[in-house]
PDB file of all heavy atoms in Angstrom:
ATOM      1  N   VAL A   1      67.275  70.520  92.988  1.00  0.00           N
ATOM      2  CA  VAL A   1      66.744  70.979  91.717  1.00  0.00           C
ATOM      3  C   VAL A   1      65.350  70.420  91.496  1.00  0.00           C
ATOM      4  O   VAL A   1      64.439  71.111  91.035  1.00  0.00           O
ATOM      5  CB  VAL A   1      67.680  70.571  90.557  1.00  0.00           C
ATOM      6  CG1 VAL A   1      67.060  70.899  89.219  1.00  0.00           C
ATOM      7  CG2 VAL A   1      69.030  71.248  90.708  1.00  0.00           C
ATOM      8  N   PHE A   2      65.134  69.114  91.835  1.00  0.00           N
ATOM      9  CA  PHE A   2      63.824  68.495  91.683  1.00  0.00           C
ATOM     10  C   PHE A   2      62.790  69.206  92.538  1.00  0.00           C
ATOM     11  O   PHE A   2      61.655  69.454  92.100  1.00  0.00           O
ATOM     12  CB  PHE A   2      63.907  67.014  92.074  1.00  0.00           C
ATOM     13  CG  PHE A   2      62.592  66.286  91.986  1.00  0.00           C
ATOM     14  CD1 PHE A   2      62.007  66.057  90.743  1.00  0.00           C
ATOM     15  CD2 PHE A   2      61.940  65.857  93.123  1.00  0.00           C
ATOM     16  CE1 PHE A   2      60.795  65.389  90.656  1.00  0.00           C
ATOM     17  CE2 PHE A   2      60.729  65.196  93.032  1.00  0.00           C
ATOM     18  CZ  PHE A   2      60.161  64.952  91.800  1.00  0.00           C
ATOM     19  N   THR A   3      63.169  69.560  93.769  1.00  0.00           N
ATOM     20  CA  THR A   3      62.273  70.301  94.640  1.00  0.00           C
ATOM     21  C   THR A   3      61.893  71.633  94.026  1.00  0.00           C
ATOM     22  O   THR A   3      60.738  72.051  94.049  1.00  0.00           O
ATOM     23  CB  THR A   3      62.950  70.553  96.004  1.00  0.00           C
ATOM     24  OG1 THR A   3      63.255  69.296  96.599  1.00  0.00           O
ATOM     25  CG2 THR A   3      62.029  71.332  96.940  1.00  0.00           C
ATOM     26  N   ALA A   4      62.880  72.322  93.454  1.00  0.00           N
ATOM     27  CA  ALA A   4      62.611  73.625  92.837  1.00  0.00           C
ATOM     28  C   ALA A   4      61.660  73.486  91.663  1.00  0.00           C
ATOM     29  O   ALA A   4      60.769  74.320  91.458  1.00  0.00           O
ATOM     30  CB  ALA A   4      63.916  74.260  92.377  1.00  0.00           C
ATOM     31  N   ILE A   5      61.826  72.429  90.877  1.00  0.00           N
ATOM     32  CA  ILE A   5      60.950  72.227  89.728  1.00  0.00           C
ATOM     33  C   ILE A   5      59.521  71.952  90.188  1.00  0.00           C
ATOM     34  O   ILE A   5      58.553  72.503  89.657  1.00  0.00           O
ATOM     35  CB  ILE A   5      61.477  71.074  88.848  1.00  0.00           C
ATOM     36  CG1 ILE A   5      62.831  71.446  88.246  1.00  0.00           C
ATOM     37  CG2 ILE A   5      60.479  70.732  87.743  1.00  0.00           C
ATOM     38  CD1 ILE A   5      63.527  70.297  87.559  1.00  0.00           C
ATOM     39  N   LEU A   6      59.367  71.096  91.201  1.00  0.00           N
ATOM     40  CA  LEU A   6      58.037  70.837  91.741  1.00  0.00           C
ATOM     41  C   LEU A   6      57.397  72.116  92.244  1.00  0.00           C
ATOM     42  O   LEU A   6      56.213  72.370  92.009  1.00  0.00           O
ATOM     43  CB  LEU A   6      58.131  69.835  92.907  1.00  0.00           C
ATOM     44  CG  LEU A   6      58.343  68.362  92.551  1.00  0.00           C
ATOM     45  CD1 LEU A   6      58.465  67.552  93.830  1.00  0.00           C
ATOM     46  CD2 LEU A   6      57.191  67.841  91.699  1.00  0.00           C
ATOM     47  N   ALA A   7      58.204  72.911  92.953  1.00  0.00           N
ATOM     48  CA  ALA A   7      57.670  74.146  93.516  1.00  0.00           C
ATOM     49  C   ALA A   7      57.206  75.091  92.427  1.00  0.00           C
ATOM     50  O   ALA A   7      56.153  75.727  92.548  1.00  0.00           O
ATOM     51  CB  ALA A   7      58.741  74.823  94.375  1.00  0.00           C
ATOM     52  N   THR A   8      57.991  75.191  91.359  1.00  0.00           N
ATOM     53  CA  THR A   8      57.653  76.120  90.297  1.00  0.00           C
ATOM     54  C   THR A   8      56.413  75.665  89.526  1.00  0.00           C
ATOM     55  O   THR A   8      55.531  76.451  89.213  1.00  0.00           O
ATOM     56  CB  THR A   8      58.836  76.249  89.319  1.00  0.00           C
ATOM     57  OG1 THR A   8      59.960  76.712  90.052  1.00  0.00           O
ATOM     58  CG2 THR A   8      58.529  77.225  88.203  1.00  0.00           C
ATOM     59  N   ILE A   9      56.329  74.368  89.249  1.00  0.00           N
ATOM     60  CA  ILE A   9      55.251  73.876  88.406  1.00  0.00           C
ATOM     61  C   ILE A   9      53.966  73.640  89.186  1.00  0.00           C
ATOM     62  O   ILE A   9      52.875  74.016  88.761  1.00  0.00           O
ATOM     63  CB  ILE A   9      55.686  72.570  87.706  1.00  0.00           C
ATOM     64  CG1 ILE A   9      56.911  72.822  86.822  1.00  0.00           C
ATOM     65  CG2 ILE A   9      54.542  71.998  86.876  1.00  0.00           C
ATOM     66  CD1 ILE A   9      57.466  71.579  86.184  1.00  0.00           C
ATOM     67  N   PHE A  10      54.098  73.055  90.372  1.00  0.00           N
ATOM     68  CA  PHE A  10      52.904  72.643  91.096  1.00  0.00           C
ATOM     69  C   PHE A  10      52.668  73.404  92.389  1.00  0.00           C
ATOM     70  O   PHE A  10      51.644  73.206  93.054  1.00  0.00           O
ATOM     71  CB  PHE A  10      52.993  71.140  91.430  1.00  0.00           C
ATOM     72  CG  PHE A  10      53.127  70.261  90.214  1.00  0.00           C
ATOM     73  CD1 PHE A  10      54.319  69.607  89.966  1.00  0.00           C
ATOM     74  CD2 PHE A  10      52.088  70.121  89.322  1.00  0.00           C
ATOM     75  CE1 PHE A  10      54.448  68.800  88.839  1.00  0.00           C
ATOM     76  CE2 PHE A  10      52.214  69.318  88.205  1.00  0.00           C
ATOM     77  CZ  PHE A  10      53.409  68.653  87.966  1.00  0.00           C
ATOM     78  N   GLY A  11      53.610  74.265  92.778  1.00  0.00           N
ATOM     79  CA  GLY A  11      53.451  74.955  94.051  1.00  0.00           C
ATOM     80  C   GLY A  11      53.659  74.030  95.237  1.00  0.00           C
ATOM     81  O   GLY A  11      53.122  74.249  96.315  1.00  0.00           O
ATOM     82  N   VAL A  12      54.431  72.957  95.036  1.00  0.00           N
ATOM     83  CA  VAL A  12      54.665  71.969  96.085  1.00  0.00           C
ATOM     84  C   VAL A  12      55.947  72.292  96.819  1.00  0.00           C
ATOM     85  O   VAL A  12      56.996  72.448  96.202  1.00  0.00           O
ATOM     86  CB  VAL A  12      54.764  70.547  95.475  1.00  0.00           C
ATOM     87  CG1 VAL A  12      55.097  69.532  96.550  1.00  0.00           C
ATOM     88  CG2 VAL A  12      53.448  70.184  94.788  1.00  0.00           C
ATOM     89  N   PHE A  13      55.874  72.361  98.152  1.00  0.00           N
ATOM     90  CA  PHE A  13      57.059  72.673  98.945  1.00  0.00           C
ATOM     91  C   PHE A  13      57.167  71.638 100.053  1.00  0.00           C
ATOM     92  O   PHE A  13      56.554  71.776 101.104  1.00  0.00           O
ATOM     93  CB  PHE A  13      56.965  74.087  99.531  1.00  0.00           C
ATOM     94  CG  PHE A  13      56.944  75.133  98.476  1.00  0.00           C
ATOM     95  CD1 PHE A  13      55.750  75.573  97.937  1.00  0.00           C
ATOM     96  CD2 PHE A  13      58.124  75.659  97.983  1.00  0.00           C
ATOM     97  CE1 PHE A  13      55.740  76.525  96.941  1.00  0.00           C
ATOM     98  CE2 PHE A  13      58.127  76.607  96.989  1.00  0.00           C
ATOM     99  CZ  PHE A  13      56.923  77.041  96.467  1.00  0.00           C
ATOM    100  N   PRO A  14      57.914  70.546  99.821  1.00  0.00           N
ATOM    101  CA  PRO A  14      57.983  69.468 100.793  1.00  0.00           C
ATOM    102  C   PRO A  14      58.450  69.944 102.152  1.00  0.00           C
ATOM    103  O   PRO A  14      59.318  70.796 102.266  1.00  0.00           O
ATOM    104  CB  PRO A  14      59.017  68.506 100.170  1.00  0.00           C
ATOM    105  CG  PRO A  14      59.004  68.832  98.707  1.00  0.00           C
ATOM    106  CD  PRO A  14      58.725  70.289  98.621  1.00  0.00           C
ATOM    107  N   ALA A  15      57.873  69.354 103.202  1.00  0.00           N
ATOM    108  CA  ALA A  15      58.217  69.748 104.568  1.00  0.00           C
ATOM    109  C   ALA A  15      59.676  69.497 104.884  1.00  0.00           C
ATOM    110  O   ALA A  15      60.281  70.204 105.680  1.00  0.00           O
ATOM    111  CB  ALA A  15      57.327  68.988 105.548  1.00  0.00           C
ATOM    112  N   PHE A  16      60.267  68.475 104.231  1.00  0.00           N
ATOM    113  CA  PHE A  16      61.650  68.147 104.559  1.00  0.00           C
ATOM    114  C   PHE A  16      62.623  69.216 104.117  1.00  0.00           C
ATOM    115  O   PHE A  16      63.762  69.252 104.568  1.00  0.00           O
ATOM    116  CB  PHE A  16      62.061  66.795 103.956  1.00  0.00           C
ATOM    117  CG  PHE A  16      62.028  66.746 102.458  1.00  0.00           C
ATOM    118  CD1 PHE A  16      62.995  67.382 101.694  1.00  0.00           C
ATOM    119  CD2 PHE A  16      61.028  66.050 101.805  1.00  0.00           C
ATOM    120  CE1 PHE A  16      62.971  67.328 100.315  1.00  0.00           C
ATOM    121  CE2 PHE A  16      61.006  66.003 100.419  1.00  0.00           C
ATOM    122  CZ  PHE A  16      61.967  66.631  99.679  1.00  0.00           C
ATOM    123  N   ALA A  17      62.192  70.108 103.219  1.00  0.00           N
ATOM    124  CA  ALA A  17      63.121  71.124 102.706  1.00  0.00           C
ATOM    125  C   ALA A  17      63.668  71.980 103.825  1.00  0.00           C
ATOM    126  O   ALA A  17      64.855  72.265 103.903  1.00  0.00           O
ATOM    127  CB  ALA A  17      62.422  71.990 101.655  1.00  0.00           C
ATOM    128  N   ALA A  18      62.783  72.397 104.739  1.00  0.00           N
ATOM    129  CA  ALA A  18      63.223  73.250 105.835  1.00  0.00           C
ATOM    130  C   ALA A  18      64.143  72.491 106.774  1.00  0.00           C
ATOM    131  O   ALA A  18      65.146  73.023 107.249  1.00  0.00           O
ATOM    132  CB  ALA A  18      62.012  73.781 106.594  1.00  0.00           C
ATOM    133  N   GLU A  19      63.816  71.236 107.059  1.00  0.00           N
ATOM    134  CA  GLU A  19      64.633  70.468 107.986  1.00  0.00           C
ATOM    135  C   GLU A  19      66.019  70.200 107.404  1.00  0.00           C
ATOM    136  O   GLU A  19      67.018  70.226 108.102  1.00  0.00           O
ATOM    137  CB  GLU A  19      63.924  69.144 108.339  1.00  0.00           C
ATOM    138  CG  GLU A  19      62.599  69.330 109.070  1.00  0.00           C
ATOM    139  CD  GLU A  19      62.745  70.193 110.316  1.00  0.00           C
ATOM    140  OE1 GLU A  19      63.712  70.005 111.082  1.00  0.00           O
ATOM    141  OE2 GLU A  19      61.887  71.069 110.526  1.00  0.00           O
ATOM    142  N   ASP A  20      66.079  69.936 106.112  1.00  0.00           N
ATOM    143  CA  ASP A  20      67.354  69.670 105.460  1.00  0.00           C
ATOM    144  C   ASP A  20      68.250  70.904 105.427  1.00  0.00           C
ATOM    145  O   ASP A  20      69.457  70.795 105.286  1.00  0.00           O
ATOM    146  CB  ASP A  20      67.128  69.185 104.026  1.00  0.00           C
ATOM    147  CG  ASP A  20      66.683  67.732 103.974  1.00  0.00           C
ATOM    148  OD1 ASP A  20      66.611  67.112 105.046  1.00  0.00           O
ATOM    149  OD2 ASP A  20      66.395  67.242 102.875  1.00  0.00           O
ATOM    150  N   ASN A  21      67.656  72.079 105.546  1.00  0.00           N
ATOM    151  CA  ASN A  21      68.417  73.316 105.378  1.00  0.00           C
ATOM    152  C   ASN A  21      68.341  74.207 106.605  1.00  0.00           C
ATOM    153  O   ASN A  21      68.490  75.416 106.507  1.00  0.00           O
ATOM    154  CB  ASN A  21      67.907  74.064 104.143  1.00  0.00           C
ATOM    155  CG  ASN A  21      68.161  73.278 102.871  1.00  0.00           C
ATOM    156  OD1 ASN A  21      69.268  73.261 102.363  1.00  0.00           O
ATOM    157  ND2 ASN A  21      67.148  72.595 102.388  1.00  0.00           N
ATOM    158  N   ARG A  22      68.110  73.602 107.751  1.00  0.00           N
ATOM    159  CA  ARG A  22      68.042  74.337 109.012  1.00  0.00           C
ATOM    160  C   ARG A  22      69.369  74.184 109.767  1.00  0.00           C
ATOM    161  O   ARG A  22      69.896  73.084 109.920  1.00  0.00           O
ATOM    162  CB  ARG A  22      66.904  73.812 109.880  1.00  0.00           C
ATOM    163  CG  ARG A  22      66.771  74.508 111.243  1.00  0.00           C
ATOM    164  CD  ARG A  22      65.762  73.791 112.139  1.00  0.00           C
ATOM    165  NE  ARG A  22      64.441  73.829 111.574  1.00  0.00           N
ATOM    166  CZ  ARG A  22      63.531  74.761 111.835  1.00  0.00           C
ATOM    167  NH1 ARG A  22      63.827  75.751 112.671  1.00  0.00           N
ATOM    168  NH2 ARG A  22      62.325  74.711 111.287  1.00  0.00           N
ATOM    169  N   THR A  23      69.894  75.293 110.241  1.00  0.00           N
ATOM    170  CA  THR A  23      71.107  75.283 111.047  1.00  0.00           C
ATOM    171  C   THR A  23      70.829  76.036 112.339  1.00  0.00           C
ATOM    172  O   THR A  23      70.296  77.149 112.307  1.00  0.00           O
ATOM    173  CB  THR A  23      72.280  75.958 110.316  1.00  0.00           C
ATOM    174  OG1 THR A  23      72.508  75.297 109.065  1.00  0.00           O
ATOM    175  CG2 THR A  23      73.553  75.903 111.156  1.00  0.00           C
ATOM    176  N   GLU A  24      71.184  75.432 113.452  1.00  0.00           N
ATOM    177  CA  GLU A  24      70.981  76.082 114.746  1.00  0.00           C
ATOM    178  C   GLU A  24      72.299  76.653 115.264  1.00  0.00           C
ATOM    179  O   GLU A  24      73.325  75.979 115.245  1.00  0.00           O
ATOM    180  CB  GLU A  24      70.426  75.105 115.775  1.00  0.00           C
ATOM    181  CG  GLU A  24      70.165  75.753 117.136  1.00  0.00           C
ATOM    182  CD  GLU A  24      69.710  74.768 118.191  1.00  0.00           C
ATOM    183  OE1 GLU A  24      68.497  74.517 118.288  1.00  0.00           O
ATOM    184  OE2 GLU A  24      70.592  74.212 118.902  1.00  0.00           O
ATOM    185  N   PHE A  25      72.238  77.903 115.702  1.00  0.00           N
ATOM    186  CA  PHE A  25      73.372  78.546 116.359  1.00  0.00           C
ATOM    187  C   PHE A  25      72.993  78.711 117.836  1.00  0.00           C
ATOM    188  O   PHE A  25      72.283  79.654 118.197  1.00  0.00           O
ATOM    189  CB  PHE A  25      73.663  79.915 115.733  1.00  0.00           C
ATOM    190  CG  PHE A  25      74.182  79.850 114.326  1.00  0.00           C
ATOM    191  CD1 PHE A  25      73.319  79.673 113.250  1.00  0.00           C
ATOM    192  CD2 PHE A  25      75.547  79.954 114.073  1.00  0.00           C
ATOM    193  CE1 PHE A  25      73.794  79.617 111.951  1.00  0.00           C
ATOM    194  CE2 PHE A  25      76.033  79.892 112.782  1.00  0.00           C
ATOM    195  CZ  PHE A  25      75.154  79.718 111.709  1.00  0.00           C
ATOM    196  N   PRO A  26      73.435  77.784 118.698  1.00  0.00           N
ATOM    197  CA  PRO A  26      73.038  77.849 120.107  1.00  0.00           C
ATOM    198  C   PRO A  26      73.521  79.135 120.776  1.00  0.00           C
ATOM    199  O   PRO A  26      74.564  79.699 120.406  1.00  0.00           O
ATOM    200  CB  PRO A  26      73.716  76.623 120.722  1.00  0.00           C
ATOM    201  CG  PRO A  26      74.022  75.718 119.574  1.00  0.00           C
ATOM    202  CD  PRO A  26      74.293  76.615 118.416  1.00  0.00           C
ATOM    203  N   ALA A  27      72.757  79.590 121.740  1.00  0.00           N
ATOM    204  CA  ALA A  27      73.149  80.769 122.508  1.00  0.00           C
ATOM    205  C   ALA A  27      74.505  80.527 123.156  1.00  0.00           C
ATOM    206  O   ALA A  27      74.825  79.409 123.587  1.00  0.00           O
ATOM    207  CB  ALA A  27      72.094  81.069 123.563  1.00  0.00           C
ATOM    208  N   LEU A  28      75.313  81.565 123.249  1.00  0.00           N
ATOM    209  CA  LEU A  28      76.648  81.437 123.847  1.00  0.00           C
ATOM    210  C   LEU A  28      76.571  81.376 125.368  1.00  0.00           C
ATOM    211  O   LEU A  28      77.488  80.887 126.026  1.00  0.00           O
ATOM    212  CB  LEU A  28      77.520  82.623 123.426  1.00  0.00           C
ATOM    213  CG  LEU A  28      77.707  82.818 121.918  1.00  0.00           C
ATOM    214  CD1 LEU A  28      78.640  83.985 121.643  1.00  0.00           C
ATOM    215  CD2 LEU A  28      78.240  81.545 121.262  1.00  0.00           C
ATOM    216  N   GLN A  29      75.474  81.875 125.908  1.00  0.00           N
ATOM    217  CA  GLN A  29      75.230  81.795 127.350  1.00  0.00           C
ATOM    218  C   GLN A  29      73.834  81.224 127.559  1.00  0.00           C
ATOM    219  O   GLN A  29      73.270  80.635 126.640  1.00  0.00           O
ATOM    220  CB  GLN A  29      75.382  83.188 127.977  1.00  0.00           C
ATOM    221  CG  GLN A  29      76.787  83.777 127.853  1.00  0.00           C
ATOM    222  CD  GLN A  29      76.903  85.163 128.441  1.00  0.00           C
ATOM    223  OE1 GLN A  29      75.971  85.688 129.053  1.00  0.00           O
ATOM    224  NE2 GLN A  29      78.058  85.796 128.251  1.00  0.00           N
ATOM    225  N   THR A  30      73.287  81.350 128.753  1.00  0.00           N
ATOM    226  CA  THR A  30      71.935  80.858 129.005  1.00  0.00           C
ATOM    227  C   THR A  30      70.954  81.498 128.026  1.00  0.00           C
ATOM    228  O   THR A  30      70.932  82.714 127.851  1.00  0.00           O
ATOM    229  CB  THR A  30      71.503  81.190 130.445  1.00  0.00           C
ATOM    230  OG1 THR A  30      72.436  80.592 131.356  1.00  0.00           O
ATOM    231  CG2 THR A  30      70.108  80.644 130.727  1.00  0.00           C
ATOM    232  N   GLU A  31      70.150  80.648 127.378  1.00  0.00           N
ATOM    233  CA  GLU A  31      69.244  81.154 126.358  1.00  0.00           C
ATOM    234  C   GLU A  31      68.167  82.057 126.946  1.00  0.00           C
ATOM    235  O   GLU A  31      67.469  81.680 127.889  1.00  0.00           O
ATOM    236  CB  GLU A  31      68.588  79.994 125.610  1.00  0.00           C
ATOM    237  CG  GLU A  31      67.654  80.441 124.492  1.00  0.00           C
ATOM    238  CD  GLU A  31      67.034  79.276 123.731  1.00  0.00           C
ATOM    239  OE1 GLU A  31      67.791  78.378 123.299  1.00  0.00           O
ATOM    240  OE2 GLU A  31      65.802  79.270 123.586  1.00  0.00           O
ATOM    241  N   THR A  32      68.033  83.233 126.374  1.00  0.00           N
ATOM    242  CA  THR A  32      66.991  84.173 126.784  1.00  0.00           C
ATOM    243  C   THR A  32      65.990  84.429 125.668  1.00  0.00           C
ATOM    244  O   THR A  32      64.945  85.057 125.897  1.00  0.00           O
ATOM    245  CB  THR A  32      67.614  85.520 127.199  1.00  0.00           C
ATOM    246  OG1 THR A  32      68.353  86.054 126.097  1.00  0.00           O
ATOM    247  CG2 THR A  32      68.537  85.345 128.393  1.00  0.00           C
ATOM    248  N   GLY A  33      66.296  83.958 124.474  1.00  0.00           N
ATOM    249  CA  GLY A  33      65.391  84.148 123.347  1.00  0.00           C
ATOM    250  C   GLY A  33      65.839  83.315 122.164  1.00  0.00           C
ATOM    251  O   GLY A  33      66.994  82.900 122.079  1.00  0.00           O
ATOM    252  N   ARG A  34      64.901  83.061 121.237  1.00  0.00           N
ATOM    253  CA  ARG A  34      65.206  82.272 120.045  1.00  0.00           C
ATOM    254  C   ARG A  34      64.702  83.030 118.823  1.00  0.00           C
ATOM    255  O   ARG A  34      63.523  83.323 118.689  1.00  0.00           O
ATOM    256  CB  ARG A  34      64.559  80.887 120.130  1.00  0.00           C
ATOM    257  CG  ARG A  34      64.839  79.996 118.920  1.00  0.00           C
ATOM    258  CD  ARG A  34      64.260  78.599 119.126  1.00  0.00           C
ATOM    259  NE  ARG A  34      65.045  77.848 120.072  1.00  0.00           N
ATOM    260  CZ  ARG A  34      65.993  76.981 119.750  1.00  0.00           C
ATOM    261  NH1 ARG A  34      66.301  76.772 118.464  1.00  0.00           N
ATOM    262  NH2 ARG A  34      66.647  76.309 120.672  1.00  0.00           N
ATOM    263  N   LEU A  35      65.625  83.333 117.940  1.00  0.00           N
ATOM    264  CA  LEU A  35      65.347  84.069 116.710  1.00  0.00           C
ATOM    265  C   LEU A  35      65.348  83.096 115.529  1.00  0.00           C
ATOM    266  O   LEU A  35      66.288  82.323 115.365  1.00  0.00           O
ATOM    267  CB  LEU A  35      66.419  85.146 116.503  1.00  0.00           C
ATOM    268  CG  LEU A  35      66.523  85.815 115.132  1.00  0.00           C
ATOM    269  CD1 LEU A  35      65.268  86.612 114.813  1.00  0.00           C
ATOM    270  CD2 LEU A  35      67.762  86.713 115.069  1.00  0.00           C
ATOM    271  N   THR A  36      64.297  83.136 114.734  1.00  0.00           N
ATOM    272  CA  THR A  36      64.204  82.279 113.554  1.00  0.00           C
ATOM    273  C   THR A  36      64.284  83.129 112.298  1.00  0.00           C
ATOM    274  O   THR A  36      63.477  84.047 112.107  1.00  0.00           O
ATOM    275  CB  THR A  36      62.881  81.481 113.557  1.00  0.00           C
ATOM    276  OG1 THR A  36      62.793  80.716 114.759  1.00  0.00           O
ATOM    277  CG2 THR A  36      62.832  80.534 112.360  1.00  0.00           C
ATOM    278  N   ILE A  37      65.265  82.824 111.452  1.00  0.00           N
ATOM    279  CA  ILE A  37      65.495  83.564 110.217  1.00  0.00           C
ATOM    280  C   ILE A  37      65.262  82.641 109.029  1.00  0.00           C
ATOM    281  O   ILE A  37      65.874  81.575 108.928  1.00  0.00           O
ATOM    282  CB  ILE A  37      66.937  84.116 110.152  1.00  0.00           C
ATOM    283  CG1 ILE A  37      67.210  85.050 111.330  1.00  0.00           C
ATOM    284  CG2 ILE A  37      67.176  84.844 108.835  1.00  0.00           C
ATOM    285  CD1 ILE A  37      68.655  85.504 111.427  1.00  0.00           C
ATOM    286  N   TYR A  38      64.371  83.030 108.140  1.00  0.00           N
ATOM    287  CA  TYR A  38      64.184  82.344 106.867  1.00  0.00           C
ATOM    288  C   TYR A  38      64.917  83.152 105.805  1.00  0.00           C
ATOM    289  O   TYR A  38      64.697  84.356 105.688  1.00  0.00           O
ATOM    290  CB  TYR A  38      62.699  82.233 106.514  1.00  0.00           C
ATOM    291  CG  TYR A  38      61.986  81.104 107.227  1.00  0.00           C
ATOM    292  CD1 TYR A  38      61.656  81.195 108.567  1.00  0.00           C
ATOM    293  CD2 TYR A  38      61.648  79.935 106.551  1.00  0.00           C
ATOM    294  CE1 TYR A  38      61.010  80.163 109.228  1.00  0.00           C
ATOM    295  CE2 TYR A  38      61.006  78.891 107.192  1.00  0.00           C
ATOM    296  CZ  TYR A  38      60.682  79.006 108.531  1.00  0.00           C
ATOM    297  OH  TYR A  38      60.049  77.976 109.168  1.00  0.00           O
TER     298      TYR A  38
END
């Protein structure tokens, strides 16, 4: 919530936000590509 308030008021988006909310789904076989979804 604090992050959201900062973002709304000051346009601040801490770098840790993405890391805290990133989930990796490893390829089921040998990796042939990496898709990033926001």
